[in-house]
Amino acid sequence: AAKYELPAPLAKRLSGTTKAELEADAKELQKLIAPSAPES
C-alpha cells in the first residue's frame, strides 16, 4: 500500500496471497483513485 500510495482503508481491501498478486491489485486500485491530470 505504501509503495502504490494507497490510503489505509484501501490497503485493508487488497486481495491476493503473494506479493505479485497484491501489487497487481494495488495497481488496479491506484488507477481508480489517482487524480486525473488537468487538460492544461
PDB file of all heavy atoms in Angstrom:
ATOM      1  N   ALA A   1       0.832  -1.203   0.000  1.00  0.00           N
ATOM      2  CA  ALA A   1       0.000   0.000   0.000  1.00  0.00           C
ATOM      3  C   ALA A   1       0.865   1.250   0.000  1.00  0.00           C
ATOM      4  O   ALA A   1       0.558   2.228  -0.695  1.00  0.00           O
ATOM      5  CB  ALA A   1      -0.922  -0.001   1.207  1.00  0.00           C
ATOM      6  N   ALA A   2       1.959   1.241   0.749  1.00  0.00           N
ATOM      7  CA  ALA A   2       2.853   2.400   0.776  1.00  0.00           C
ATOM      8  C   ALA A   2       3.548   2.572  -0.572  1.00  0.00           C
ATOM      9  O   ALA A   2       3.730   3.704  -1.039  1.00  0.00           O
ATOM     10  CB  ALA A   2       3.879   2.238   1.882  1.00  0.00           C
ATOM     11  N   LYS A   3       3.915   1.465  -1.200  1.00  0.00           N
ATOM     12  CA  LYS A   3       4.596   1.540  -2.495  1.00  0.00           C
ATOM     13  C   LYS A   3       3.700   2.175  -3.554  1.00  0.00           C
ATOM     14  O   LYS A   3       4.163   2.963  -4.380  1.00  0.00           O
ATOM     15  CB  LYS A   3       5.005   0.131  -2.939  1.00  0.00           C
ATOM     16  CG  LYS A   3       5.746   0.092  -4.251  1.00  0.00           C
ATOM     17  CD  LYS A   3       6.169  -1.322  -4.585  1.00  0.00           C
ATOM     18  CE  LYS A   3       6.891  -1.388  -5.912  1.00  0.00           C
ATOM     19  NZ  LYS A   3       7.274  -2.769  -6.252  1.00  0.00           N
ATOM     20  N   TYR A   4       2.418   1.868  -3.522  1.00  0.00           N
ATOM     21  CA  TYR A   4       1.486   2.397  -4.521  1.00  0.00           C
ATOM     22  C   TYR A   4       0.657   3.566  -3.975  1.00  0.00           C
ATOM     23  O   TYR A   4      -0.330   3.960  -4.583  1.00  0.00           O
ATOM     24  CB  TYR A   4       0.581   1.275  -5.033  1.00  0.00           C
ATOM     25  CG  TYR A   4       1.365   0.296  -5.870  1.00  0.00           C
ATOM     26  CD1 TYR A   4       1.857  -0.878  -5.328  1.00  0.00           C
ATOM     27  CD2 TYR A   4       1.662   0.573  -7.190  1.00  0.00           C
ATOM     28  CE1 TYR A   4       2.596  -1.763  -6.073  1.00  0.00           C
ATOM     29  CE2 TYR A   4       2.411  -0.302  -7.950  1.00  0.00           C
ATOM     30  CZ  TYR A   4       2.872  -1.465  -7.389  1.00  0.00           C
ATOM     31  OH  TYR A   4       3.619  -2.338  -8.140  1.00  0.00           O
ATOM     32  N   GLU A   5       1.064   4.100  -2.828  1.00  0.00           N
ATOM     33  CA  GLU A   5       0.455   5.283  -2.217  1.00  0.00           C
ATOM     34  C   GLU A   5      -1.057   5.143  -2.044  1.00  0.00           C
ATOM     35  O   GLU A   5      -1.826   6.036  -2.374  1.00  0.00           O
ATOM     36  CB  GLU A   5       0.796   6.533  -3.027  1.00  0.00           C
ATOM     37  CG  GLU A   5       2.283   6.810  -3.109  1.00  0.00           C
ATOM     38  CD  GLU A   5       2.616   7.978  -4.001  1.00  0.00           C
ATOM     39  OE1 GLU A   5       1.726   8.511  -4.685  1.00  0.00           O
ATOM     40  OE2 GLU A   5       3.793   8.363  -4.011  1.00  0.00           O
ATOM     41  N   LEU A   6      -1.455   4.011  -1.504  1.00  0.00           N
ATOM     42  CA  LEU A   6      -2.866   3.771  -1.231  1.00  0.00           C
ATOM     43  C   LEU A   6      -3.185   4.174   0.209  1.00  0.00           C
ATOM     44  O   LEU A   6      -2.379   3.935   1.108  1.00  0.00           O
ATOM     45  CB  LEU A   6      -3.203   2.286  -1.419  1.00  0.00           C
ATOM     46  CG  LEU A   6      -3.080   1.732  -2.832  1.00  0.00           C
ATOM     47  CD1 LEU A   6      -3.337   0.235  -2.817  1.00  0.00           C
ATOM     48  CD2 LEU A   6      -4.029   2.420  -3.777  1.00  0.00           C
ATOM     49  N   PRO A   7      -4.339   4.769   0.447  1.00  0.00           N
ATOM     50  CA  PRO A   7      -4.710   5.096   1.823  1.00  0.00           C
ATOM     51  C   PRO A   7      -4.977   3.817   2.631  1.00  0.00           C
ATOM     52  O   PRO A   7      -5.243   2.748   2.072  1.00  0.00           O
ATOM     53  CB  PRO A   7      -5.974   5.941   1.675  1.00  0.00           C
ATOM     54  CG  PRO A   7      -6.464   5.712   0.296  1.00  0.00           C
ATOM     55  CD  PRO A   7      -5.313   5.254  -0.527  1.00  0.00           C
ATOM     56  N   ALA A   8      -4.929   3.944   3.954  1.00  0.00           N
ATOM     57  CA  ALA A   8      -5.076   2.784   4.844  1.00  0.00           C
ATOM     58  C   ALA A   8      -6.381   2.018   4.630  1.00  0.00           C
ATOM     59  O   ALA A   8      -6.373   0.779   4.629  1.00  0.00           O
ATOM     60  CB  ALA A   8      -4.948   3.222   6.289  1.00  0.00           C
ATOM     61  N   PRO A   9      -7.537   2.696   4.433  1.00  0.00           N
ATOM     62  CA  PRO A   9      -8.759   1.917   4.219  1.00  0.00           C
ATOM     63  C   PRO A   9      -8.699   1.034   2.970  1.00  0.00           C
ATOM     64  O   PRO A   9      -9.248  -0.069   2.960  1.00  0.00           O
ATOM     65  CB  PRO A   9      -9.851   2.978   4.066  1.00  0.00           C
ATOM     66  CG  PRO A   9      -9.310   4.183   4.755  1.00  0.00           C
ATOM     67  CD  PRO A   9      -7.824   4.113   4.573  1.00  0.00           C
ATOM     68  N   LEU A  10      -8.016   1.498   1.926  1.00  0.00           N
ATOM     69  CA  LEU A  10      -7.905   0.670   0.724  1.00  0.00           C
ATOM     70  C   LEU A  10      -6.854  -0.423   0.894  1.00  0.00           C
ATOM     71  O   LEU A  10      -6.948  -1.470   0.252  1.00  0.00           O
ATOM     72  CB  LEU A  10      -7.573   1.532  -0.491  1.00  0.00           C
ATOM     73  CG  LEU A  10      -8.713   2.359  -1.046  1.00  0.00           C
ATOM     74  CD1 LEU A  10      -8.250   3.189  -2.242  1.00  0.00           C
ATOM     75  CD2 LEU A  10      -9.881   1.489  -1.464  1.00  0.00           C
ATOM     76  N   ALA A  11      -5.873  -0.186   1.730  1.00  0.00           N
ATOM     77  CA  ALA A  11      -4.843  -1.192   1.959  1.00  0.00           C
ATOM     78  C   ALA A  11      -5.452  -2.450   2.562  1.00  0.00           C
ATOM     79  O   ALA A  11      -5.025  -3.564   2.267  1.00  0.00           O
ATOM     80  CB  ALA A  11      -3.756  -0.641   2.874  1.00  0.00           C
ATOM     81  N   LYS A  12      -6.470  -2.266   3.397  1.00  0.00           N
ATOM     82  CA  LYS A  12      -7.136  -3.416   4.009  1.00  0.00           C
ATOM     83  C   LYS A  12      -7.894  -4.239   2.980  1.00  0.00           C
ATOM     84  O   LYS A  12      -8.158  -5.416   3.178  1.00  0.00           O
ATOM     85  CB  LYS A  12      -8.114  -2.946   5.086  1.00  0.00           C
ATOM     86  CG  LYS A  12      -7.451  -2.277   6.256  1.00  0.00           C
ATOM     87  CD  LYS A  12      -8.482  -1.747   7.219  1.00  0.00           C
ATOM     88  CE  LYS A  12      -7.847  -0.925   8.316  1.00  0.00           C
ATOM     89  NZ  LYS A  12      -8.845  -0.317   9.203  1.00  0.00           N
ATOM     90  N   ARG A  13      -8.264  -3.615   1.875  1.00  0.00           N
ATOM     91  CA  ARG A  13      -9.081  -4.291   0.863  1.00  0.00           C
ATOM     92  C   ARG A  13      -8.261  -4.988  -0.221  1.00  0.00           C
ATOM     93  O   ARG A  13      -8.831  -5.572  -1.142  1.00  0.00           O
ATOM     94  CB  ARG A  13     -10.028  -3.288   0.212  1.00  0.00           C
ATOM     95  CG  ARG A  13     -10.994  -2.700   1.210  1.00  0.00           C
ATOM     96  CD  ARG A  13     -11.930  -1.732   0.540  1.00  0.00           C
ATOM     97  NE  ARG A  13     -12.811  -1.119   1.500  1.00  0.00           N
ATOM     98  CZ  ARG A  13     -14.018  -1.568   1.793  1.00  0.00           C
ATOM     99  NH1 ARG A  13     -14.478  -2.640   1.205  1.00  0.00           N
ATOM    100  NH2 ARG A  13     -14.762  -0.949   2.683  1.00  0.00           N
ATOM    101  N   LEU A  14      -6.955  -4.921  -0.127  1.00  0.00           N
ATOM    102  CA  LEU A  14      -6.123  -5.608  -1.119  1.00  0.00           C
ATOM    103  C   LEU A  14      -6.347  -7.109  -1.022  1.00  0.00           C
ATOM    104  O   LEU A  14      -6.468  -7.659   0.072  1.00  0.00           O
ATOM    105  CB  LEU A  14      -4.642  -5.293  -0.878  1.00  0.00           C
ATOM    106  CG  LEU A  14      -4.189  -3.881  -1.207  1.00  0.00           C
ATOM    107  CD1 LEU A  14      -2.727  -3.691  -0.785  1.00  0.00           C
ATOM    108  CD2 LEU A  14      -4.343  -3.580  -2.676  1.00  0.00           C
ATOM    109  N   SER A  15      -6.422  -7.747  -2.181  1.00  0.00           N
ATOM    110  CA  SER A  15      -6.636  -9.191  -2.190  1.00  0.00           C
ATOM    111  C   SER A  15      -5.493  -9.871  -2.918  1.00  0.00           C
ATOM    112  O   SER A  15      -4.911  -9.325  -3.840  1.00  0.00           O
ATOM    113  CB  SER A  15      -7.969  -9.532  -2.863  1.00  0.00           C
ATOM    114  OG  SER A  15      -7.957  -9.108  -4.209  1.00  0.00           O
ATOM    115  N   GLY A  16      -5.201 -11.064  -2.470  1.00  0.00           N
ATOM    116  CA  GLY A  16      -4.125 -11.844  -3.051  1.00  0.00           C
ATOM    117  C   GLY A  16      -3.329 -12.497  -1.941  1.00  0.00           C
ATOM    118  O   GLY A  16      -3.347 -12.060  -0.796  1.00  0.00           O
ATOM    119  N   THR A  17      -2.604 -13.552  -2.312  1.00  0.00           N
ATOM    120  CA  THR A  17      -1.817 -14.259  -1.312  1.00  0.00           C
ATOM    121  C   THR A  17      -0.331 -13.984  -1.470  1.00  0.00           C
ATOM    122  O   THR A  17       0.403 -14.034  -0.491  1.00  0.00           O
ATOM    123  CB  THR A  17      -2.074 -15.777  -1.393  1.00  0.00           C
ATOM    124  OG1 THR A  17      -1.824 -16.212  -2.733  1.00  0.00           O
ATOM    125  CG2 THR A  17      -3.492 -16.107  -0.997  1.00  0.00           C
ATOM    126  N   THR A  18       0.105 -13.702  -2.671  1.00  0.00           N
ATOM    127  CA  THR A  18       1.520 -13.429  -2.902  1.00  0.00           C
ATOM    128  C   THR A  18       1.728 -11.933  -3.110  1.00  0.00           C
ATOM    129  O   THR A  18       0.778 -11.177  -3.349  1.00  0.00           O
ATOM    130  CB  THR A  18       2.037 -14.178  -4.146  1.00  0.00           C
ATOM    131  OG1 THR A  18       1.374 -13.668  -5.304  1.00  0.00           O
ATOM    132  CG2 THR A  18       1.815 -15.676  -4.018  1.00  0.00           C
ATOM    133  N   LYS A  19       2.986 -11.542  -3.042  1.00  0.00           N
ATOM    134  CA  LYS A  19       3.319 -10.129  -3.229  1.00  0.00           C
ATOM    135  C   LYS A  19       2.940  -9.670  -4.639  1.00  0.00           C
ATOM    136  O   LYS A  19       2.434  -8.570  -4.825  1.00  0.00           O
ATOM    137  CB  LYS A  19       4.807  -9.900  -2.974  1.00  0.00           C
ATOM    138  CG  LYS A  19       5.208  -8.452  -3.021  1.00  0.00           C
ATOM    139  CD  LYS A  19       6.654  -8.258  -2.636  1.00  0.00           C
ATOM    140  CE  LYS A  19       6.987  -6.772  -2.681  1.00  0.00           C
ATOM    141  NZ  LYS A  19       8.355  -6.498  -2.258  1.00  0.00           N
ATOM    142  N   ALA A  20       3.161 -10.510  -5.636  1.00  0.00           N
ATOM    143  CA  ALA A  20       2.837 -10.147  -7.020  1.00  0.00           C
ATOM    144  C   ALA A  20       1.331  -9.927  -7.187  1.00  0.00           C
ATOM    145  O   ALA A  20       0.908  -8.972  -7.852  1.00  0.00           O
ATOM    146  CB  ALA A  20       3.325 -11.236  -7.975  1.00  0.00           C
ATOM    147  N   GLU A  21       0.523 -10.785  -6.577  1.00  0.00           N
ATOM    148  CA  GLU A  21      -0.935 -10.626  -6.668  1.00  0.00           C
ATOM    149  C   GLU A  21      -1.385  -9.352  -5.965  1.00  0.00           C
ATOM    150  O   GLU A  21      -2.255  -8.630  -6.459  1.00  0.00           O
ATOM    151  CB  GLU A  21      -1.631 -11.840  -6.041  1.00  0.00           C
ATOM    152  CG  GLU A  21      -1.474 -13.124  -6.824  1.00  0.00           C
ATOM    153  CD  GLU A  21      -2.035 -14.331  -6.094  1.00  0.00           C
ATOM    154  OE1 GLU A  21      -2.416 -14.203  -4.901  1.00  0.00           O
ATOM    155  OE2 GLU A  21      -2.081 -15.416  -6.712  1.00  0.00           O
ATOM    156  N   LEU A  22      -0.788  -9.081  -4.802  1.00  0.00           N
ATOM    157  CA  LEU A  22      -1.140  -7.860  -4.071  1.00  0.00           C
ATOM    158  C   LEU A  22      -0.746  -6.607  -4.859  1.00  0.00           C
ATOM    159  O   LEU A  22      -1.492  -5.637  -4.901  1.00  0.00           O
ATOM    160  CB  LEU A  22      -0.470  -7.854  -2.699  1.00  0.00           C
ATOM    161  CG  LEU A  22      -1.027  -8.840  -1.681  1.00  0.00           C
ATOM    162  CD1 LEU A  22      -0.127  -8.891  -0.454  1.00  0.00           C
ATOM    163  CD2 LEU A  22      -2.435  -8.460  -1.287  1.00  0.00           C
ATOM    164  N   GLU A  23       0.425  -6.648  -5.491  1.00  0.00           N
ATOM    165  CA  GLU A  23       0.862  -5.485  -6.277  1.00  0.00           C
ATOM    166  C   GLU A  23      -0.038  -5.274  -7.486  1.00  0.00           C
ATOM    167  O   GLU A  23      -0.341  -4.137  -7.841  1.00  0.00           O
ATOM    168  CB  GLU A  23       2.320  -5.650  -6.695  1.00  0.00           C
ATOM    169  CG  GLU A  23       3.281  -5.423  -5.553  1.00  0.00           C
ATOM    170  CD  GLU A  23       4.739  -5.485  -5.965  1.00  0.00           C
ATOM    171  OE1 GLU A  23       5.044  -5.843  -7.126  1.00  0.00           O
ATOM    172  OE2 GLU A  23       5.589  -5.162  -5.117  1.00  0.00           O
ATOM    173  N   ALA A  24      -0.477  -6.341  -8.126  1.00  0.00           N
ATOM    174  CA  ALA A  24      -1.387  -6.209  -9.263  1.00  0.00           C
ATOM    175  C   ALA A  24      -2.702  -5.580  -8.813  1.00  0.00           C
ATOM    176  O   ALA A  24      -3.242  -4.684  -9.487  1.00  0.00           O
ATOM    177  CB  ALA A  24      -1.634  -7.572  -9.903  1.00  0.00           C
ATOM    178  N   ASP A  25      -3.215  -6.024  -7.685  1.00  0.00           N
ATOM    179  CA  ASP A  25      -4.449  -5.456  -7.147  1.00  0.00           C
ATOM    180  C   ASP A  25      -4.248  -3.989  -6.750  1.00  0.00           C
ATOM    181  O   ASP A  25      -5.112  -3.149  -6.978  1.00  0.00           O
ATOM    182  CB  ASP A  25      -4.924  -6.275  -5.948  1.00  0.00           C
ATOM    183  CG  ASP A  25      -6.343  -5.933  -5.542  1.00  0.00           C
ATOM    184  OD1 ASP A  25      -7.147  -5.567  -6.423  1.00  0.00           O
ATOM    185  OD2 ASP A  25      -6.654  -6.030  -4.339  1.00  0.00           O
ATOM    186  N   ALA A  26      -3.096  -3.675  -6.180  1.00  0.00           N
ATOM    187  CA  ALA A  26      -2.803  -2.293  -5.778  1.00  0.00           C
ATOM    188  C   ALA A  26      -2.720  -1.379  -6.995  1.00  0.00           C
ATOM    189  O   ALA A  26      -3.178  -0.231  -6.955  1.00  0.00           O
ATOM    190  CB  ALA A  26      -1.497  -2.248  -4.995  1.00  0.00           C
ATOM    191  N   LYS A  27      -2.170  -1.885  -8.096  1.00  0.00           N
ATOM    192  CA  LYS A  27      -2.104  -1.083  -9.329  1.00  0.00           C
ATOM    193  C   LYS A  27      -3.508  -0.747  -9.825  1.00  0.00           C
ATOM    194  O   LYS A  27      -3.777   0.363 -10.264  1.00  0.00           O
ATOM    195  CB  LYS A  27      -1.336  -1.834 -10.417  1.00  0.00           C
ATOM    196  CG  LYS A  27       0.145  -1.858 -10.209  1.00  0.00           C
ATOM    197  CD  LYS A  27       0.824  -2.641 -11.312  1.00  0.00           C
ATOM    198  CE  LYS A  27       2.295  -2.825 -11.041  1.00  0.00           C
ATOM    199  NZ  LYS A  27       2.959  -3.645 -12.068  1.00  0.00           N
ATOM    200  N   GLU A  28      -4.388  -1.726  -9.765  1.00  0.00           N
ATOM    201  CA  GLU A  28      -5.770  -1.507 -10.204  1.00  0.00           C
ATOM    202  C   GLU A  28      -6.465  -0.478  -9.303  1.00  0.00           C
ATOM    203  O   GLU A  28      -7.172   0.406  -9.790  1.00  0.00           O
ATOM    204  CB  GLU A  28      -6.556  -2.828 -10.206  1.00  0.00           C
ATOM    205  CG  GLU A  28      -6.097  -3.809 -11.251  1.00  0.00           C
ATOM    206  CD  GLU A  28      -6.256  -3.281 -12.667  1.00  0.00           C
ATOM    207  OE1 GLU A  28      -7.298  -2.662 -12.965  1.00  0.00           O
ATOM    208  OE2 GLU A  28      -5.336  -3.478 -13.476  1.00  0.00           O
ATOM    209  N   LEU A  29      -6.276  -0.600  -8.005  1.00  0.00           N
ATOM    210  CA  LEU A  29      -6.891   0.365  -7.080  1.00  0.00           C
ATOM    211  C   LEU A  29      -6.298   1.759  -7.266  1.00  0.00           C
ATOM    212  O   LEU A  29      -7.000   2.759  -7.180  1.00  0.00           O
ATOM    213  CB  LEU A  29      -6.701  -0.089  -5.630  1.00  0.00           C
ATOM    214  CG  LEU A  29      -7.592  -1.223  -5.169  1.00  0.00           C
ATOM    215  CD1 LEU A  29      -7.201  -1.673  -3.776  1.00  0.00           C
ATOM    216  CD2 LEU A  29      -9.050  -0.810  -5.194  1.00  0.00           C
ATOM    217  N   GLN A  30      -5.012   1.814  -7.548  1.00  0.00           N
ATOM    218  CA  GLN A  30      -4.358   3.105  -7.744  1.00  0.00           C
ATOM    219  C   GLN A  30      -4.932   3.823  -8.967  1.00  0.00           C
ATOM    220  O   GLN A  30      -5.094   5.035  -8.959  1.00  0.00           O
ATOM    221  CB  GLN A  30      -2.852   2.905  -7.909  1.00  0.00           C
ATOM    222  CG  GLN A  30      -2.072   4.208  -7.945  1.00  0.00           C
ATOM    223  CD  GLN A  30      -0.590   3.981  -8.154  1.00  0.00           C
ATOM    224  OE1 GLN A  30      -0.192   3.043  -8.835  1.00  0.00           O
ATOM    225  NE2 GLN A  30       0.216   4.838  -7.566  1.00  0.00           N
ATOM    226  N   LYS A  31      -5.262   3.069  -9.995  1.00  0.00           N
ATOM    227  CA  LYS A  31      -5.865   3.673 -11.192  1.00  0.00           C
ATOM    228  C   LYS A  31      -7.204   4.304 -10.859  1.00  0.00           C
ATOM    229  O   LYS A  31      -7.575   5.324 -11.417  1.00  0.00           O
ATOM    230  CB  LYS A  31      -6.068   2.618 -12.281  1.00  0.00           C
ATOM    231  CG  LYS A  31      -4.798   2.139 -12.922  1.00  0.00           C
ATOM    232  CD  LYS A  31      -5.103   1.055 -13.937  1.00  0.00           C
ATOM    233  CE  LYS A  31      -3.840   0.405 -14.464  1.00  0.00           C
ATOM    234  NZ  LYS A  31      -4.150  -0.710 -15.377  1.00  0.00           N
ATOM    235  N   LEU A  32      -7.931   3.692  -9.943  1.00  0.00           N
ATOM    236  CA  LEU A  32      -9.257   4.197  -9.591  1.00  0.00           C
ATOM    237  C   LEU A  32      -9.200   5.453  -8.724  1.00  0.00           C
ATOM    238  O   LEU A  32     -10.101   6.289  -8.799  1.00  0.00           O
ATOM    239  CB  LEU A  32     -10.054   3.112  -8.858  1.00  0.00           C
ATOM    240  CG  LEU A  32     -10.362   1.857  -9.666  1.00  0.00           C
ATOM    241  CD1 LEU A  32     -11.025   0.816  -8.784  1.00  0.00           C
ATOM    242  CD2 LEU A  32     -11.237   2.198 -10.853  1.00  0.00           C
ATOM    243  N   ILE A  33      -8.164   5.576  -7.905  1.00  0.00           N
ATOM    244  CA  ILE A  33      -8.118   6.722  -7.005  1.00  0.00           C
ATOM    245  C   ILE A  33      -7.173   7.821  -7.478  1.00  0.00           C
ATOM    246  O   ILE A  33      -7.188   8.906  -6.922  1.00  0.00           O
ATOM    247  CB  ILE A  33      -7.700   6.312  -5.581  1.00  0.00           C
ATOM    248  CG1 ILE A  33      -6.282   5.783  -5.560  1.00  0.00           C
ATOM    249  CG2 ILE A  33      -8.673   5.345  -4.987  1.00  0.00           C
ATOM    250  CD1 ILE A  33      -5.689   5.737  -4.184  1.00  0.00           C
ATOM    251  N   ALA A  34      -6.388   7.562  -8.494  1.00  0.00           N
ATOM    252  CA  ALA A  34      -5.428   8.567  -8.959  1.00  0.00           C
ATOM    253  C   ALA A  34      -6.174   9.757  -9.552  1.00  0.00           C
ATOM    254  O   ALA A  34      -7.089   9.590 -10.358  1.00  0.00           O
ATOM    255  CB  ALA A  34      -4.493   7.964 -10.000  1.00  0.00           C
ATOM    256  N   PRO A  35      -5.806  10.973  -9.151  1.00  0.00           N
ATOM    257  CA  PRO A  35      -6.461  12.141  -9.722  1.00  0.00           C
ATOM    258  C   PRO A  35      -6.079  12.293 -11.191  1.00  0.00           C
ATOM    259  O   PRO A  35      -4.946  12.028 -11.577  1.00  0.00           O
ATOM    260  CB  PRO A  35      -5.911  13.298  -8.896  1.00  0.00           C
ATOM    261  CG  PRO A  35      -4.612  12.811  -8.366  1.00  0.00           C
ATOM    262  CD  PRO A  35      -4.767  11.326  -8.206  1.00  0.00           C
ATOM    263  N   SER A  36      -7.050  12.675 -11.968  1.00  0.00           N
ATOM    264  CA  SER A  36      -6.764  12.843 -13.381  1.00  0.00           C
ATOM    265  C   SER A  36      -6.008  14.147 -13.590  1.00  0.00           C
ATOM    266  O   SER A  36      -6.219  15.130 -12.890  1.00  0.00           O
ATOM    267  CB  SER A  36      -8.066  12.859 -14.190  1.00  0.00           C
ATOM    268  OG  SER A  36      -8.882  13.923 -13.735  1.00  0.00           O
ATOM    269  N   ALA A  37      -5.133  14.148 -14.547  1.00  0.00           N
ATOM    270  CA  ALA A  37      -4.335  15.338 -14.834  1.00  0.00           C
ATOM    271  C   ALA A  37      -5.221  16.382 -15.512  1.00  0.00           C
ATOM    272  O   ALA A  37      -6.057  16.050 -16.360  1.00  0.00           O
ATOM    273  CB  ALA A  37      -3.173  14.973 -15.744  1.00  0.00           C
ATOM    274  N   PRO A  38      -5.055  17.645 -15.162  1.00  0.00           N
ATOM    275  CA  PRO A  38      -5.847  18.681 -15.816  1.00  0.00           C
ATOM    276  C   PRO A  38      -5.463  18.797 -17.295  1.00  0.00           C
ATOM    277  O   PRO A  38      -4.355  18.417 -17.686  1.00  0.00           O
ATOM    278  CB  PRO A  38      -5.499  19.951 -15.052  1.00  0.00           C
ATOM    279  CG  PRO A  38      -4.229  19.655 -14.352  1.00  0.00           C
ATOM    280  CD  PRO A  38      -4.173  18.179 -14.149  1.00  0.00           C
ATOM    281  N   GLU A  39      -6.395  19.309 -18.082  1.00  0.00           N
ATOM    282  CA  GLU A  39      -6.142  19.423 -19.511  1.00  0.00           C
ATOM    283  C   GLU A  39      -4.969  20.340 -19.802  1.00  0.00           C
ATOM    284  O   GLU A  39      -4.154  20.070 -20.665  1.00  0.00           O
ATOM    285  CB  GLU A  39      -7.392  19.944 -20.224  1.00  0.00           C
ATOM    286  CG  GLU A  39      -8.539  18.974 -20.224  1.00  0.00           C
ATOM    287  CD  GLU A  39      -9.754  19.551 -20.908  1.00  0.00           C
ATOM    288  OE1 GLU A  39      -9.617  20.513 -21.676  1.00  0.00           O
ATOM    289  OE2 GLU A  39     -10.850  19.035 -20.679  1.00  0.00           O
ATOM    290  N   SER A  40      -4.916  21.452 -19.116  1.00  0.00           N
ATOM    291  CA  SER A  40      -3.871  22.416 -19.389  1.00  0.00           C
ATOM    292  C   SER A  40      -3.425  23.061 -18.089  1.00  0.00           C
ATOM    293  O   SER A  40      -4.226  23.361 -17.215  1.00  0.00           O
ATOM    294  CB  SER A  40      -4.411  23.494 -20.332  1.00  0.00           C
ATOM    295  OG  SER A  40      -3.466  24.519 -20.475  1.00  0.00           O
TER     296      SER A  40
END
